[in-house]
PDB file of all heavy atoms in Angstrom:
ATOM      1  N   GLY A   1      10.735   5.983   0.049  1.00  0.00           N
ATOM      2  CA  GLY A   1      12.067   5.374   0.233  1.00  0.00           C
ATOM      3  C   GLY A   1      12.567   4.855  -1.165  1.00  0.00           C
ATOM      4  O   GLY A   1      13.856   5.015  -1.422  1.00  0.00           O
ATOM      5  N   CYS A   2      11.704   4.401  -2.042  1.00  0.00           N
ATOM      6  CA  CYS A   2      12.176   3.954  -3.317  1.00  0.00           C
ATOM      7  C   CYS A   2      11.920   5.024  -4.447  1.00  0.00           C
ATOM      8  O   CYS A   2      12.266   4.876  -5.604  1.00  0.00           O
ATOM      9  CB  CYS A   2      11.468   2.696  -3.770  1.00  0.00           C
ATOM     10  SG  CYS A   2      11.848   1.272  -2.732  1.00  0.00           S
ATOM     11  N   GLY A   3      11.372   6.149  -4.007  1.00  0.00           N
ATOM     12  CA  GLY A   3      11.066   7.265  -4.935  1.00  0.00           C
ATOM     13  C   GLY A   3      10.169   6.931  -6.093  1.00  0.00           C
ATOM     14  O   GLY A   3      10.383   7.290  -7.245  1.00  0.00           O
ATOM     15  N   GLU A   4       9.164   6.106  -5.783  1.00  0.00           N
ATOM     16  CA  GLU A   4       8.230   5.560  -6.819  1.00  0.00           C
ATOM     17  C   GLU A   4       6.801   5.734  -6.356  1.00  0.00           C
ATOM     18  O   GLU A   4       6.393   5.023  -5.390  1.00  0.00           O
ATOM     19  CB  GLU A   4       8.598   4.024  -6.946  1.00  0.00           C
ATOM     20  CG  GLU A   4       7.793   3.457  -8.142  1.00  0.00           C
ATOM     21  CD  GLU A   4       8.077   1.920  -8.282  1.00  0.00           C
ATOM     22  OE1 GLU A   4       8.962   1.389  -7.450  1.00  0.00           O
ATOM     23  OE2 GLU A   4       7.565   1.302  -9.160  1.00  0.00           O
ATOM     24  N   PHE A   5       6.135   6.705  -6.907  1.00  0.00           N
ATOM     25  CA  PHE A   5       4.705   6.904  -6.646  1.00  0.00           C
ATOM     26  C   PHE A   5       3.873   5.784  -7.299  1.00  0.00           C
ATOM     27  O   PHE A   5       3.484   5.985  -8.513  1.00  0.00           O
ATOM     28  CB  PHE A   5       4.217   8.307  -6.973  1.00  0.00           C
ATOM     29  CG  PHE A   5       2.815   8.584  -6.638  1.00  0.00           C
ATOM     30  CD1 PHE A   5       2.426   8.691  -5.360  1.00  0.00           C
ATOM     31  CD2 PHE A   5       1.999   8.868  -7.617  1.00  0.00           C
ATOM     32  CE1 PHE A   5       1.122   8.978  -4.953  1.00  0.00           C
ATOM     33  CE2 PHE A   5       0.596   9.117  -7.274  1.00  0.00           C
ATOM     34  CZ  PHE A   5       0.231   9.173  -5.985  1.00  0.00           C
ATOM     35  N   SER A   6       3.624   4.760  -6.690  1.00  0.00           N
ATOM     36  CA  SER A   6       2.927   3.550  -7.253  1.00  0.00           C
ATOM     37  C   SER A   6       2.295   2.765  -6.298  1.00  0.00           C
ATOM     38  O   SER A   6       2.745   2.662  -5.092  1.00  0.00           O
ATOM     39  CB  SER A   6       3.994   2.766  -8.059  1.00  0.00           C
ATOM     40  OG  SER A   6       3.489   1.523  -8.510  1.00  0.00           O
ATOM     41  N   HIS A   7       1.323   1.987  -6.658  1.00  0.00           N
ATOM     42  CA  HIS A   7       0.666   1.028  -5.797  1.00  0.00           C
ATOM     43  C   HIS A   7       1.561  -0.200  -5.631  1.00  0.00           C
ATOM     44  O   HIS A   7       1.343  -1.051  -4.691  1.00  0.00           O
ATOM     45  CB  HIS A   7      -0.663   0.563  -6.356  1.00  0.00           C
ATOM     46  CG  HIS A   7      -1.674   1.612  -6.368  1.00  0.00           C
ATOM     47  ND1 HIS A   7      -2.252   2.106  -5.216  1.00  0.00           N
ATOM     48  CD2 HIS A   7      -2.212   2.461  -7.381  1.00  0.00           C
ATOM     49  CE1 HIS A   7      -3.052   3.156  -5.510  1.00  0.00           C
ATOM     50  NE2 HIS A   7      -3.145   3.251  -6.861  1.00  0.00           N
ATOM     51  N   THR A   8       2.680  -0.329  -6.448  1.00  0.00           N
ATOM     52  CA  THR A   8       3.527  -1.434  -6.321  1.00  0.00           C
ATOM     53  C   THR A   8       4.982  -0.904  -6.113  1.00  0.00           C
ATOM     54  O   THR A   8       5.976  -1.360  -6.681  1.00  0.00           O
ATOM     55  CB  THR A   8       3.500  -2.338  -7.525  1.00  0.00           C
ATOM     56  OG1 THR A   8       3.791  -1.552  -8.661  1.00  0.00           O
ATOM     57  CG2 THR A   8       2.092  -2.997  -7.686  1.00  0.00           C
ATOM     58  N   ALA A   9       5.050   0.151  -5.292  1.00  0.00           N
ATOM     59  CA  ALA A   9       6.355   0.776  -5.024  1.00  0.00           C
ATOM     60  C   ALA A   9       7.362  -0.237  -4.476  1.00  0.00           C
ATOM     61  O   ALA A   9       6.949  -1.196  -3.763  1.00  0.00           O
ATOM     62  CB  ALA A   9       6.169   1.974  -3.949  1.00  0.00           C
ATOM     63  N   CYS A  10       8.577  -0.061  -4.827  1.00  0.00           N
ATOM     64  CA  CYS A  10       9.663  -0.969  -4.393  1.00  0.00           C
ATOM     65  C   CYS A  10       9.414  -2.382  -4.965  1.00  0.00           C
ATOM     66  O   CYS A  10      10.080  -3.331  -4.506  1.00  0.00           O
ATOM     67  CB  CYS A  10       9.797  -1.076  -2.884  1.00  0.00           C
ATOM     68  SG  CYS A  10      10.234   0.531  -2.072  1.00  0.00           S
ATOM     69  N   GLY A  11       8.702  -2.454  -6.056  1.00  0.00           N
ATOM     70  CA  GLY A  11       8.383  -3.832  -6.592  1.00  0.00           C
ATOM     71  C   GLY A  11       7.583  -4.769  -5.797  1.00  0.00           C
ATOM     72  O   GLY A  11       7.505  -5.990  -6.081  1.00  0.00           O
ATOM     73  N   ARG A  12       6.955  -4.237  -4.783  1.00  0.00           N
ATOM     74  CA  ARG A  12       6.077  -5.140  -3.899  1.00  0.00           C
ATOM     75  C   ARG A  12       4.673  -5.033  -4.306  1.00  0.00           C
ATOM     76  O   ARG A  12       4.270  -4.010  -4.794  1.00  0.00           O
ATOM     77  CB  ARG A  12       6.189  -4.616  -2.407  1.00  0.00           C
ATOM     78  CG  ARG A  12       7.577  -4.866  -1.867  1.00  0.00           C
ATOM     79  CD  ARG A  12       7.556  -4.407  -0.486  1.00  0.00           C
ATOM     80  NE  ARG A  12       8.793  -4.756   0.269  1.00  0.00           N
ATOM     81  CZ  ARG A  12       9.625  -3.939   0.913  1.00  0.00           C
ATOM     82  NH1 ARG A  12       9.276  -2.613   1.086  1.00  0.00           N
ATOM     83  NH2 ARG A  12      10.722  -4.380   1.470  1.00  0.00           N
ATOM     84  N   GLU A  13       3.939  -6.167  -4.357  1.00  0.00           N
ATOM     85  CA  GLU A  13       2.549  -6.252  -4.695  1.00  0.00           C
ATOM     86  C   GLU A  13       1.676  -5.361  -3.767  1.00  0.00           C
ATOM     87  O   GLU A  13       2.105  -5.010  -2.668  1.00  0.00           O
ATOM     88  CB  GLU A  13       2.066  -7.640  -4.561  1.00  0.00           C
ATOM     89  CG  GLU A  13       2.731  -8.648  -5.549  1.00  0.00           C
ATOM     90  CD  GLU A  13       2.294  -8.386  -6.985  1.00  0.00           C
ATOM     91  OE1 GLU A  13       1.320  -7.729  -7.258  1.00  0.00           O
ATOM     92  OE2 GLU A  13       3.060  -8.859  -7.882  1.00  0.00           O
ATOM     93  N   PHE A  14       0.603  -4.862  -4.293  1.00  0.00           N
ATOM     94  CA  PHE A  14      -0.206  -4.112  -3.558  1.00  0.00           C
ATOM     95  C   PHE A  14      -0.579  -4.603  -2.171  1.00  0.00           C
ATOM     96  O   PHE A  14      -0.646  -3.950  -1.134  1.00  0.00           O
ATOM     97  CB  PHE A  14      -1.550  -3.771  -4.318  1.00  0.00           C
ATOM     98  CG  PHE A  14      -2.847  -3.451  -3.610  1.00  0.00           C
ATOM     99  CD1 PHE A  14      -2.838  -2.285  -2.842  1.00  0.00           C
ATOM    100  CD2 PHE A  14      -3.792  -4.319  -3.476  1.00  0.00           C
ATOM    101  CE1 PHE A  14      -3.940  -1.946  -2.076  1.00  0.00           C
ATOM    102  CE2 PHE A  14      -4.980  -4.003  -2.704  1.00  0.00           C
ATOM    103  CZ  PHE A  14      -4.992  -2.872  -2.036  1.00  0.00           C
ATOM    104  N   THR A  15      -0.759  -5.959  -2.150  1.00  0.00           N
ATOM    105  CA  THR A  15      -1.169  -6.629  -0.911  1.00  0.00           C
ATOM    106  C   THR A  15      -0.015  -6.852   0.107  1.00  0.00           C
ATOM    107  O   THR A  15      -0.243  -7.393   1.209  1.00  0.00           O
ATOM    108  CB  THR A  15      -1.784  -7.956  -1.291  1.00  0.00           C
ATOM    109  OG1 THR A  15      -0.912  -8.765  -2.029  1.00  0.00           O
ATOM    110  CG2 THR A  15      -3.076  -7.698  -2.061  1.00  0.00           C
ATOM    111  N   TYR A  16       1.173  -6.526  -0.319  1.00  0.00           N
ATOM    112  CA  TYR A  16       2.401  -6.983   0.478  1.00  0.00           C
ATOM    113  C   TYR A  16       2.270  -6.463   1.940  1.00  0.00           C
ATOM    114  O   TYR A  16       2.343  -7.327   2.881  1.00  0.00           O
ATOM    115  CB  TYR A  16       3.640  -6.461  -0.179  1.00  0.00           C
ATOM    116  CG  TYR A  16       4.909  -6.716   0.686  1.00  0.00           C
ATOM    117  CD1 TYR A  16       5.474  -8.023   0.510  1.00  0.00           C
ATOM    118  CD2 TYR A  16       5.495  -5.848   1.520  1.00  0.00           C
ATOM    119  CE1 TYR A  16       6.675  -8.316   1.214  1.00  0.00           C
ATOM    120  CE2 TYR A  16       6.630  -6.181   2.340  1.00  0.00           C
ATOM    121  CZ  TYR A  16       7.250  -7.467   2.055  1.00  0.00           C
ATOM    122  OH  TYR A  16       8.277  -7.698   2.845  1.00  0.00           O
ATOM    123  N   TRP A  17       2.103  -5.217   2.166  1.00  0.00           N
ATOM    124  CA  TRP A  17       2.140  -4.717   3.597  1.00  0.00           C
ATOM    125  C   TRP A  17       0.765  -5.115   4.273  1.00  0.00           C
ATOM    126  O   TRP A  17       0.822  -5.303   5.530  1.00  0.00           O
ATOM    127  CB  TRP A  17       2.383  -3.260   3.613  1.00  0.00           C
ATOM    128  CG  TRP A  17       3.821  -2.918   3.372  1.00  0.00           C
ATOM    129  CD1 TRP A  17       4.246  -2.163   2.220  1.00  0.00           C
ATOM    130  CD2 TRP A  17       4.893  -3.240   4.161  1.00  0.00           C
ATOM    131  NE1 TRP A  17       5.666  -2.075   2.243  1.00  0.00           N
ATOM    132  CE2 TRP A  17       6.066  -2.741   3.475  1.00  0.00           C
ATOM    133  CE3 TRP A  17       5.138  -3.828   5.278  1.00  0.00           C
ATOM    134  CZ2 TRP A  17       7.397  -2.859   3.935  1.00  0.00           C
ATOM    135  CZ3 TRP A  17       6.326  -4.121   5.815  1.00  0.00           C
ATOM    136  CH2 TRP A  17       7.547  -3.535   5.162  1.00  0.00           C
ATOM    137  N   LEU A  18      -0.251  -5.199   3.591  1.00  0.00           N
ATOM    138  CA  LEU A  18      -1.532  -5.651   4.141  1.00  0.00           C
ATOM    139  C   LEU A  18      -1.338  -7.084   4.854  1.00  0.00           C
ATOM    140  O   LEU A  18      -1.876  -7.261   5.867  1.00  0.00           O
ATOM    141  CB  LEU A  18      -2.646  -5.655   3.169  1.00  0.00           C
ATOM    142  CG  LEU A  18      -3.134  -4.281   2.738  1.00  0.00           C
ATOM    143  CD1 LEU A  18      -3.971  -4.358   1.419  1.00  0.00           C
ATOM    144  CD2 LEU A  18      -4.044  -3.624   3.773  1.00  0.00           C
ATOM    145  N   GLU A  19      -0.586  -7.884   4.092  1.00  0.00           N
ATOM    146  CA  GLU A  19      -0.276  -9.237   4.591  1.00  0.00           C
ATOM    147  C   GLU A  19       0.765  -9.219   5.687  1.00  0.00           C
ATOM    148  O   GLU A  19       0.636  -9.917   6.720  1.00  0.00           O
ATOM    149  CB  GLU A  19       0.015 -10.069   3.434  1.00  0.00           C
ATOM    150  CG  GLU A  19      -1.071 -10.318   2.536  1.00  0.00           C
ATOM    151  CD  GLU A  19      -0.671 -10.952   1.184  1.00  0.00           C
ATOM    152  OE1 GLU A  19       0.559 -10.991   0.791  1.00  0.00           O
ATOM    153  OE2 GLU A  19      -1.514 -11.461   0.431  1.00  0.00           O
ATOM    154  N   GLN A  20       1.853  -8.483   5.393  1.00  0.00           N
ATOM    155  CA  GLN A  20       2.921  -8.492   6.360  1.00  0.00           C
ATOM    156  C   GLN A  20       2.610  -7.929   7.716  1.00  0.00           C
ATOM    157  O   GLN A  20       3.035  -8.369   8.765  1.00  0.00           O
ATOM    158  CB  GLN A  20       4.142  -7.605   5.763  1.00  0.00           C
ATOM    159  CG  GLN A  20       4.801  -8.313   4.601  1.00  0.00           C
ATOM    160  CD  GLN A  20       5.456  -9.643   4.958  1.00  0.00           C
ATOM    161  OE1 GLN A  20       6.276  -9.664   5.942  1.00  0.00           O
ATOM    162  NE2 GLN A  20       5.295 -10.654   4.236  1.00  0.00           N
ATOM    163  N   ASP A  21       1.612  -6.888   7.677  1.00  0.00           N
ATOM    164  CA  ASP A  21       1.287  -6.232   8.998  1.00  0.00           C
ATOM    165  C   ASP A  21       0.020  -6.869   9.630  1.00  0.00           C
ATOM    166  O   ASP A  21      -0.536  -6.396  10.542  1.00  0.00           O
ATOM    167  CB  ASP A  21       1.030  -4.786   8.756  1.00  0.00           C
ATOM    168  CG  ASP A  21       2.379  -3.986   8.401  1.00  0.00           C
ATOM    169  OD1 ASP A  21       3.405  -4.437   8.875  1.00  0.00           O
ATOM    170  OD2 ASP A  21       2.284  -3.037   7.649  1.00  0.00           O
ATOM    171  N   GLY A  22      -0.372  -8.015   9.101  1.00  0.00           N
ATOM    172  CA  GLY A  22      -1.371  -8.868   9.735  1.00  0.00           C
ATOM    173  C   GLY A  22      -2.819  -8.583   9.439  1.00  0.00           C
ATOM    174  O   GLY A  22      -3.723  -9.227  10.077  1.00  0.00           O
ATOM    175  N   TYR A  23      -3.199  -7.648   8.500  1.00  0.00           N
ATOM    176  CA  TYR A  23      -4.605  -7.509   8.216  1.00  0.00           C
ATOM    177  C   TYR A  23      -5.116  -8.655   7.340  1.00  0.00           C
ATOM    178  O   TYR A  23      -6.117  -9.171   7.673  1.00  0.00           O
ATOM    179  CB  TYR A  23      -4.785  -6.140   7.426  1.00  0.00           C
ATOM    180  CG  TYR A  23      -6.243  -5.847   7.402  1.00  0.00           C
ATOM    181  CD1 TYR A  23      -6.893  -5.281   8.535  1.00  0.00           C
ATOM    182  CD2 TYR A  23      -6.985  -6.137   6.225  1.00  0.00           C
ATOM    183  CE1 TYR A  23      -8.273  -4.998   8.502  1.00  0.00           C
ATOM    184  CE2 TYR A  23      -8.389  -5.796   6.198  1.00  0.00           C
ATOM    185  CZ  TYR A  23      -8.981  -5.278   7.334  1.00  0.00           C
ATOM    186  OH  TYR A  23     -10.341  -5.028   7.260  1.00  0.00           O
ATOM    187  N   GLY A  24      -4.423  -9.020   6.315  1.00  0.00           N
ATOM    188  CA  GLY A  24      -4.798 -10.127   5.541  1.00  0.00           C
ATOM    189  C   GLY A  24      -4.143 -11.373   6.088  1.00  0.00           C
ATOM    190  O   GLY A  24      -2.921 -11.715   5.679  1.00  0.00           O
ATOM    191  N   LYS A  25      -4.799 -12.195   6.831  1.00  0.00           N
ATOM    192  CA  LYS A  25      -4.254 -13.309   7.483  1.00  0.00           C
ATOM    193  C   LYS A  25      -4.435 -14.573   6.563  1.00  0.00           C
ATOM    194  O   LYS A  25      -5.472 -14.748   5.884  1.00  0.00           O
ATOM    195  CB  LYS A  25      -4.873 -13.538   8.858  1.00  0.00           C
ATOM    196  CG  LYS A  25      -4.683 -12.412   9.763  1.00  0.00           C
ATOM    197  CD  LYS A  25      -5.257 -12.654  11.167  1.00  0.00           C
ATOM    198  CE  LYS A  25      -4.909 -11.455  12.063  1.00  0.00           C
ATOM    199  NZ  LYS A  25      -5.477 -11.644  13.425  1.00  0.00           N
ATOM    200  N   PRO A  26      -3.468 -15.442   6.499  1.00  0.00           N
ATOM    201  CA  PRO A  26      -3.594 -16.734   5.847  1.00  0.00           C
ATOM    202  C   PRO A  26      -4.849 -17.404   6.148  1.00  0.00           C
ATOM    203  O   PRO A  26      -5.125 -17.588   7.356  1.00  0.00           O
ATOM    204  CB  PRO A  26      -2.378 -17.417   6.149  1.00  0.00           C
ATOM    205  CG  PRO A  26      -1.351 -16.459   6.583  1.00  0.00           C
ATOM    206  CD  PRO A  26      -2.243 -15.408   7.346  1.00  0.00           C
ATOM    207  N   GLY A  27      -5.577 -17.899   5.084  1.00  0.00           N
ATOM    208  CA  GLY A  27      -6.751 -18.681   5.426  1.00  0.00           C
ATOM    209  C   GLY A  27      -7.974 -17.822   5.709  1.00  0.00           C
ATOM    210  O   GLY A  27      -9.058 -18.364   5.817  1.00  0.00           O
ATOM    211  N   GLY A  28      -7.823 -16.548   5.806  1.00  0.00           N
ATOM    212  CA  GLY A  28      -8.930 -15.698   6.066  1.00  0.00           C
ATOM    213  C   GLY A  28      -9.634 -15.112   4.873  1.00  0.00           C
ATOM    214  O   GLY A  28      -9.189 -15.335   3.688  1.00  0.00           O
ATOM    215  N   CYS A  29     -10.737 -14.436   5.068  1.00  0.00           N
ATOM    216  CA  CYS A  29     -11.413 -13.895   3.988  1.00  0.00           C
ATOM    217  C   CYS A  29     -11.577 -12.407   4.226  1.00  0.00           C
ATOM    218  O   CYS A  29     -12.007 -11.906   5.254  1.00  0.00           O
ATOM    219  CB  CYS A  29     -12.903 -14.463   3.891  1.00  0.00           C
ATOM    220  SG  CYS A  29     -13.915 -13.822   2.636  1.00  0.00           S
ATOM    221  N   TRP A  30     -11.055 -11.564   3.320  1.00  0.00           N
ATOM    222  CA  TRP A  30     -10.883 -10.132   3.601  1.00  0.00           C
ATOM    223  C   TRP A  30     -10.820  -9.370   2.263  1.00  0.00           C
ATOM    224  O   TRP A  30     -10.670  -9.945   1.186  1.00  0.00           O
ATOM    225  CB  TRP A  30      -9.699  -9.821   4.465  1.00  0.00           C
ATOM    226  CG  TRP A  30      -8.394 -10.284   3.943  1.00  0.00           C
ATOM    227  CD1 TRP A  30      -7.958 -11.530   3.985  1.00  0.00           C
ATOM    228  CD2 TRP A  30      -7.440  -9.525   3.229  1.00  0.00           C
ATOM    229  NE1 TRP A  30      -6.660 -11.592   3.292  1.00  0.00           N
ATOM    230  CE2 TRP A  30      -6.304 -10.393   2.899  1.00  0.00           C
ATOM    231  CE3 TRP A  30      -7.324  -8.122   2.973  1.00  0.00           C
ATOM    232  CZ2 TRP A  30      -5.174  -9.942   2.211  1.00  0.00           C
ATOM    233  CZ3 TRP A  30      -6.170  -7.640   2.370  1.00  0.00           C
ATOM    234  CH2 TRP A  30      -5.086  -8.660   1.961  1.00  0.00           C
ATOM    235  N   GLY A  31     -11.105  -8.083   2.334  1.00  0.00           N
ATOM    236  CA  GLY A  31     -10.981  -7.187   1.192  1.00  0.00           C
ATOM    237  C   GLY A  31     -10.317  -5.863   1.591  1.00  0.00           C
ATOM    238  O   GLY A  31     -10.407  -5.495   2.796  1.00  0.00           O
ATOM    239  N   ALA A  32      -9.837  -5.143   0.647  1.00  0.00           N
ATOM    240  CA  ALA A  32      -9.103  -3.916   0.935  1.00  0.00           C
ATOM    241  C   ALA A  32      -9.075  -3.050  -0.316  1.00  0.00           C
ATOM    242  O   ALA A  32      -9.138  -3.475  -1.310  1.00  0.00           O
ATOM    243  CB  ALA A  32      -7.672  -4.210   1.416  1.00  0.00           C
ATOM    244  N   GLY A  33      -9.004  -1.692  -0.031  1.00  0.00           N
ATOM    245  CA  GLY A  33      -8.779  -0.733  -1.084  1.00  0.00           C
ATOM    246  C   GLY A  33      -7.724   0.267  -0.665  1.00  0.00           C
ATOM    247  O   GLY A  33      -7.456   0.414   0.570  1.00  0.00           O
ATOM    248  N   GLU A  34      -7.201   0.847  -1.608  1.00  0.00           N
ATOM    249  CA  GLU A  34      -6.064   1.841  -1.324  1.00  0.00           C
ATOM    250  C   GLU A  34      -6.222   3.101  -2.130  1.00  0.00           C
ATOM    251  O   GLU A  34      -6.502   3.059  -3.281  1.00  0.00           O
ATOM    252  CB  GLU A  34      -4.713   1.132  -1.592  1.00  0.00           C
ATOM    253  CG  GLU A  34      -3.535   2.007  -1.546  1.00  0.00           C
ATOM    254  CD  GLU A  34      -2.155   1.304  -1.788  1.00  0.00           C
ATOM    255  OE1 GLU A  34      -1.697   0.650  -1.030  1.00  0.00           O
ATOM    256  OE2 GLU A  34      -1.832   1.446  -3.007  1.00  0.00           O
ATOM    257  N   ASN A  35      -6.034   4.214  -1.420  1.00  0.00           N
ATOM    258  CA  ASN A  35      -5.974   5.576  -2.110  1.00  0.00           C
ATOM    259  C   ASN A  35      -4.572   6.090  -1.737  1.00  0.00           C
ATOM    260  O   ASN A  35      -4.147   5.995  -0.615  1.00  0.00           O
ATOM    261  CB  ASN A  35      -7.048   6.565  -1.566  1.00  0.00           C
ATOM    262  CG  ASN A  35      -8.367   6.323  -2.134  1.00  0.00           C
ATOM    263  OD1 ASN A  35      -8.603   5.405  -2.997  1.00  0.00           O
ATOM    264  ND2 ASN A  35      -9.388   7.044  -1.678  1.00  0.00           N
ATOM    265  N   ILE A  36      -3.890   6.629  -2.772  1.00  0.00           N
ATOM    266  CA  ILE A  36      -2.579   7.229  -2.528  1.00  0.00           C
ATOM    267  C   ILE A  36      -2.538   8.601  -3.173  1.00  0.00           C
ATOM    268  O   ILE A  36      -3.330   8.902  -4.162  1.00  0.00           O
ATOM    269  CB  ILE A  36      -1.380   6.343  -2.968  1.00  0.00           C
ATOM    270  CG1 ILE A  36      -1.401   6.213  -4.525  1.00  0.00           C
ATOM    271  CG2 ILE A  36      -1.393   5.016  -2.293  1.00  0.00           C
ATOM    272  CD1 ILE A  36      -0.159   5.434  -4.992  1.00  0.00           C
ATOM    273  N   ALA A  37      -1.743   9.503  -2.586  1.00  0.00           N
ATOM    274  CA  ALA A  37      -1.593  10.862  -3.071  1.00  0.00           C
ATOM    275  C   ALA A  37      -0.411  11.507  -2.487  1.00  0.00           C
ATOM    276  O   ALA A  37       0.111  11.056  -1.480  1.00  0.00           O
ATOM    277  CB  ALA A  37      -2.865  11.696  -2.770  1.00  0.00           C
ATOM    278  N   TRP A  38       0.051  12.511  -3.144  1.00  0.00           N
ATOM    279  CA  TRP A  38       1.225  13.248  -2.605  1.00  0.00           C
ATOM    280  C   TRP A  38       1.145  14.633  -2.986  1.00  0.00           C
ATOM    281  O   TRP A  38       0.646  14.979  -4.132  1.00  0.00           O
ATOM    282  CB  TRP A  38       2.564  12.718  -2.795  1.00  0.00           C
ATOM    283  CG  TRP A  38       3.141  12.764  -4.235  1.00  0.00           C
ATOM    284  CD1 TRP A  38       2.932  11.951  -5.277  1.00  0.00           C
ATOM    285  CD2 TRP A  38       4.086  13.851  -4.766  1.00  0.00           C
ATOM    286  NE1 TRP A  38       3.670  12.322  -6.353  1.00  0.00           N
ATOM    287  CE2 TRP A  38       4.398  13.441  -6.069  1.00  0.00           C
ATOM    288  CE3 TRP A  38       4.732  14.858  -4.161  1.00  0.00           C
ATOM    289  CZ2 TRP A  38       5.220  14.218  -6.867  1.00  0.00           C
ATOM    290  CZ3 TRP A  38       5.603  15.526  -4.874  1.00  0.00           C
ATOM    291  CH2 TRP A  38       5.867  15.284  -6.221  1.00  0.00           C
ATOM    292  N   GLY A  39       1.535  15.613  -2.200  1.00  0.00           N
ATOM    293  CA  GLY A  39       1.572  17.047  -2.609  1.00  0.00           C
ATOM    294  C   GLY A  39       2.642  17.788  -1.796  1.00  0.00           C
ATOM    295  O   GLY A  39       3.152  17.320  -0.746  1.00  0.00           O
ATOM    296  N   THR A  40       2.956  19.000  -2.210  1.00  0.00           N
ATOM    297  CA  THR A  40       3.829  19.840  -1.521  1.00  0.00           C
ATOM    298  C   THR A  40       3.101  21.138  -1.112  1.00  0.00           C
ATOM    299  O   THR A  40       2.137  21.561  -1.723  1.00  0.00           O
ATOM    300  CB  THR A  40       5.071  20.191  -2.415  1.00  0.00           C
ATOM    301  OG1 THR A  40       4.551  20.949  -3.590  1.00  0.00           O
ATOM    302  CG2 THR A  40       5.728  18.926  -2.931  1.00  0.00           C
ATOM    303  N   GLY A  41       3.659  21.818  -0.125  1.00  0.00           N
ATOM    304  CA  GLY A  41       3.144  23.105   0.354  1.00  0.00           C
ATOM    305  C   GLY A  41       1.728  22.833   0.792  1.00  0.00           C
ATOM    306  O   GLY A  41       1.301  21.830   1.362  1.00  0.00           O
ATOM    307  N   GLU A  42       0.855  23.768   0.548  1.00  0.00           N
ATOM    308  CA  GLU A  42      -0.571  23.756   1.047  1.00  0.00           C
ATOM    309  C   GLU A  42      -1.261  22.660   0.286  1.00  0.00           C
ATOM    310  O   GLU A  42      -2.352  22.233   0.735  1.00  0.00           O
ATOM    311  CB  GLU A  42      -1.216  25.113   0.695  1.00  0.00           C
ATOM    312  CG  GLU A  42      -1.294  25.551  -0.763  1.00  0.00           C
ATOM    313  CD  GLU A  42      -1.929  26.870  -0.866  1.00  0.00           C
ATOM    314  OE1 GLU A  42      -2.014  27.653   0.132  1.00  0.00           O
ATOM    315  OE2 GLU A  42      -2.321  27.275  -2.039  1.00  0.00           O
ATOM    316  N   LEU A  43      -0.772  22.144  -0.907  1.00  0.00           N
ATOM    317  CA  LEU A  43      -1.471  21.123  -1.543  1.00  0.00           C
ATOM    318  C   LEU A  43      -1.187  19.756  -0.941  1.00  0.00           C
ATOM    319  O   LEU A  43      -1.801  18.668  -1.295  1.00  0.00           O
ATOM    320  CB  LEU A  43      -1.018  21.035  -3.053  1.00  0.00           C
ATOM    321  CG  LEU A  43      -1.454  22.199  -3.902  1.00  0.00           C
ATOM    322  CD1 LEU A  43      -1.115  22.076  -5.313  1.00  0.00           C
ATOM    323  CD2 LEU A  43      -2.997  22.459  -3.818  1.00  0.00           C
ATOM    324  N   GLY A  44      -0.298  19.666   0.021  1.00  0.00           N
ATOM    325  CA  GLY A  44      -0.015  18.425   0.729  1.00  0.00           C
ATOM    326  C   GLY A  44      -0.742  18.270   2.127  1.00  0.00           C
ATOM    327  O   GLY A  44      -0.661  17.357   2.804  1.00  0.00           O
TER     328      GLY A  44
END
């Protein structure tokens, strides 16, 4: 959507969607990792 291949796409911190979608809950103890990639044709 923002045309930005980045862990902080759209200027949002890496943890933004993890928190917004409920995985990282306030007061909880949790950890996360992220892999991203993009490709076209057979490489995608």
